[in-house]
Amino acid sequence: MFLGVNLVSWAAKRQPVVSRSSAEAEYCVVANGMAVANWLRQLLQELHSPLQRATLVYCDNVSAVYLSTNLVQHHHTKHLEIDMHFVRERAAASDIRVLSVPTMLQFADIFNNGLSSSVFADFRSSLN
């Protein structure tokens, strides 16, 4: 989680539940990230420094990005109902925007994925 150019929060952990698809797993991560972002937005508002722009959330799963804006609920996603309502509510209020980012630009993978030496070197150089 960045506030401007400053890193203010970072976390990586296993999900406590088994997901049925990668889109479901990514969507749960988006919802968890949004909970932290929402808390940070409320903290800044209480400190009389509210954010004027939407919080950008990047996700490498196009299906999860689509679920955040698609108001039609499919029978395959019924079990995601609470996370869906939370993320969609924040998106409708223009507090967040969920954007797609290609897997090759996921620099955070250096912290939690096994990478080839060339990809690791590229990502490490991107971190300055």
Protein backbone atom coordinates (compact mmCIF):
# COMPACT_ATOMS: atom_id res chain seq x y z
CA MET A 1 0.00 0.00 0.00
CA PHE A 2 1.49 3.28 -1.09
CA LEU A 3 0.48 6.75 0.02
CA GLY A 4 1.91 8.91 -2.73
CA VAL A 5 5.38 7.47 -3.31
CA ASN A 6 5.74 6.20 0.28
CA LEU A 7 5.21 2.56 1.20
CA VAL A 8 2.96 2.50 4.28
CA SER A 9 1.83 -1.13 4.43
CA TRP A 10 2.88 -4.45 2.96
CA ALA A 11 1.64 -7.96 3.67
CA ALA A 12 1.69 -11.40 2.12
CA LYS A 13 -0.06 -14.40 3.59
CA ARG A 14 -1.87 -17.55 2.65
CA GLN A 15 -5.60 -17.33 2.31
CA PRO A 16 -7.47 -19.15 5.09
CA VAL A 17 -9.98 -20.64 2.62
CA VAL A 18 -9.67 -22.68 -0.53
CA SER A 19 -10.71 -20.78 -3.65
CA ARG A 20 -12.48 -22.44 -6.54
CA SER A 21 -10.70 -20.34 -9.17
CA SER A 22 -7.86 -17.88 -9.57
CA ALA A 23 -10.42 -15.11 -10.16
CA GLU A 24 -12.03 -15.88 -6.80
CA ALA A 25 -8.65 -15.90 -5.03
CA GLU A 26 -7.62 -12.60 -6.63
CA TYR A 27 -10.99 -11.03 -5.85
CA CYS A 28 -10.62 -11.96 -2.18
CA VAL A 29 -7.18 -10.31 -2.17
CA VAL A 30 -8.66 -7.18 -3.80
CA ALA A 31 -11.36 -7.06 -1.10
CA ASN A 32 -8.78 -7.46 1.68
CA GLY A 33 -6.61 -4.75 0.16
CA MET A 34 -9.63 -2.51 -0.13
CA ALA A 35 -10.40 -2.99 3.55
CA VAL A 36 -6.92 -1.68 4.41
CA ALA A 37 -7.24 1.16 1.88
CA ASN A 38 -10.66 2.08 3.27
CA TRP A 39 -9.22 2.19 6.80
CA LEU A 40 -6.38 4.44 5.59
CA ARG A 41 -8.82 6.74 3.77
CA GLN A 42 -10.92 7.08 6.95
CA LEU A 43 -7.82 7.75 9.05
CA LEU A 44 -6.70 10.52 6.69
CA GLN A 45 -10.21 11.99 6.75
CA GLU A 46 -10.17 12.07 10.56
CA LEU A 47 -6.79 13.82 10.37
CA HIS A 48 -8.43 16.45 8.13
CA SER A 49 -6.43 15.38 5.06
CA PRO A 50 -8.99 13.47 2.99
CA LEU A 51 -7.90 11.90 -0.27
CA GLN A 52 -9.35 13.73 -3.26
CA ARG A 53 -8.83 10.95 -5.80
CA ALA A 54 -9.84 7.31 -5.99
CA THR A 55 -7.55 4.66 -4.58
CA LEU A 56 -6.04 2.59 -7.40
CA VAL A 57 -6.00 -1.16 -6.91
CA TYR A 58 -4.01 -3.21 -9.39
CA CYS A 59 -4.89 -6.82 -10.08
CA ASP A 60 -3.32 -9.22 -12.58
CA ASN A 61 -6.52 -11.23 -13.07
CA VAL A 62 -8.80 -9.69 -15.69
CA SER A 63 -11.79 -11.70 -14.43
CA ALA A 64 -11.39 -10.27 -10.93
CA VAL A 65 -11.20 -6.75 -12.40
CA TYR A 66 -14.39 -7.43 -14.37
CA LEU A 67 -16.18 -8.75 -11.27
CA SER A 68 -15.47 -5.49 -9.46
CA THR A 69 -17.52 -3.49 -11.97
CA ASN A 70 -20.03 -6.04 -13.28
CA LEU A 71 -23.31 -5.54 -11.45
CA VAL A 72 -24.76 -8.83 -12.70
CA GLN A 73 -24.30 -11.58 -10.15
CA HIS A 74 -23.75 -15.01 -11.65
CA HIS A 75 -24.50 -18.29 -9.94
CA HIS A 76 -20.77 -19.10 -9.98
CA THR A 77 -20.02 -16.14 -7.73
CA LYS A 78 -22.75 -16.41 -5.08
CA HIS A 79 -20.28 -17.37 -2.38
CA LEU A 80 -18.32 -14.15 -3.00
CA GLU A 81 -21.34 -12.02 -2.17
CA ILE A 82 -19.93 -10.12 0.84
CA ASP A 83 -16.62 -9.28 -0.86
CA MET A 84 -18.45 -8.31 -4.06
CA HIS A 85 -20.80 -5.93 -2.31
CA PHE A 86 -17.95 -4.29 -0.40
CA VAL A 87 -15.74 -3.72 -3.46
CA ARG A 88 -18.63 -2.67 -5.71
CA GLU A 89 -19.93 -0.27 -3.07
CA ARG A 90 -16.51 1.41 -2.83
CA ALA A 91 -16.22 1.49 -6.64
CA ALA A 92 -19.70 3.01 -6.99
CA ALA A 93 -18.73 5.70 -4.47
CA SER A 94 -15.64 6.43 -6.63
CA ASP A 95 -13.36 5.63 -3.69
CA ILE A 96 -11.52 2.93 -5.67
CA ARG A 97 -10.69 1.91 -9.19
CA VAL A 98 -9.63 -1.68 -9.86
CA LEU A 99 -7.22 -1.78 -12.78
CA SER A 100 -5.59 -4.64 -14.61
CA VAL A 101 -1.82 -4.95 -14.61
CA PRO A 102 0.06 -7.58 -16.64
CA THR A 103 1.74 -10.38 -14.71
CA MET A 104 5.12 -9.35 -16.11
CA LEU A 105 4.81 -6.02 -14.26
CA GLN A 106 3.99 -7.52 -10.85
CA PHE A 107 7.12 -6.32 -9.06
CA ALA A 108 5.81 -7.54 -5.69
CA ASP A 109 6.34 -11.10 -6.95
CA ILE A 110 9.99 -10.69 -5.99
CA PHE A 111 8.91 -10.96 -2.33
CA ASN A 112 6.67 -14.02 -2.48
CA ASN A 113 7.22 -16.02 -5.70
CA GLY A 114 10.05 -18.13 -6.99
CA LEU A 115 11.38 -16.32 -10.06
CA SER A 116 13.97 -17.11 -12.69
CA SER A 117 17.27 -15.31 -12.16
CA SER A 118 16.72 -12.96 -15.12
CA VAL A 119 13.21 -11.92 -13.97
CA PHE A 120 14.49 -11.56 -10.40
CA ALA A 121 17.32 -9.29 -11.57
CA ASP A 122 14.88 -7.16 -13.62
CA PHE A 123 12.45 -6.80 -10.71
CA ARG A 124 15.27 -6.08 -8.24
CA SER A 125 16.57 -3.25 -10.43
CA SER A 126 13.03 -1.83 -10.60
CA LEU A 127 12.95 -1.54 -6.80
CA ASN A 128 15.95 0.86 -6.86
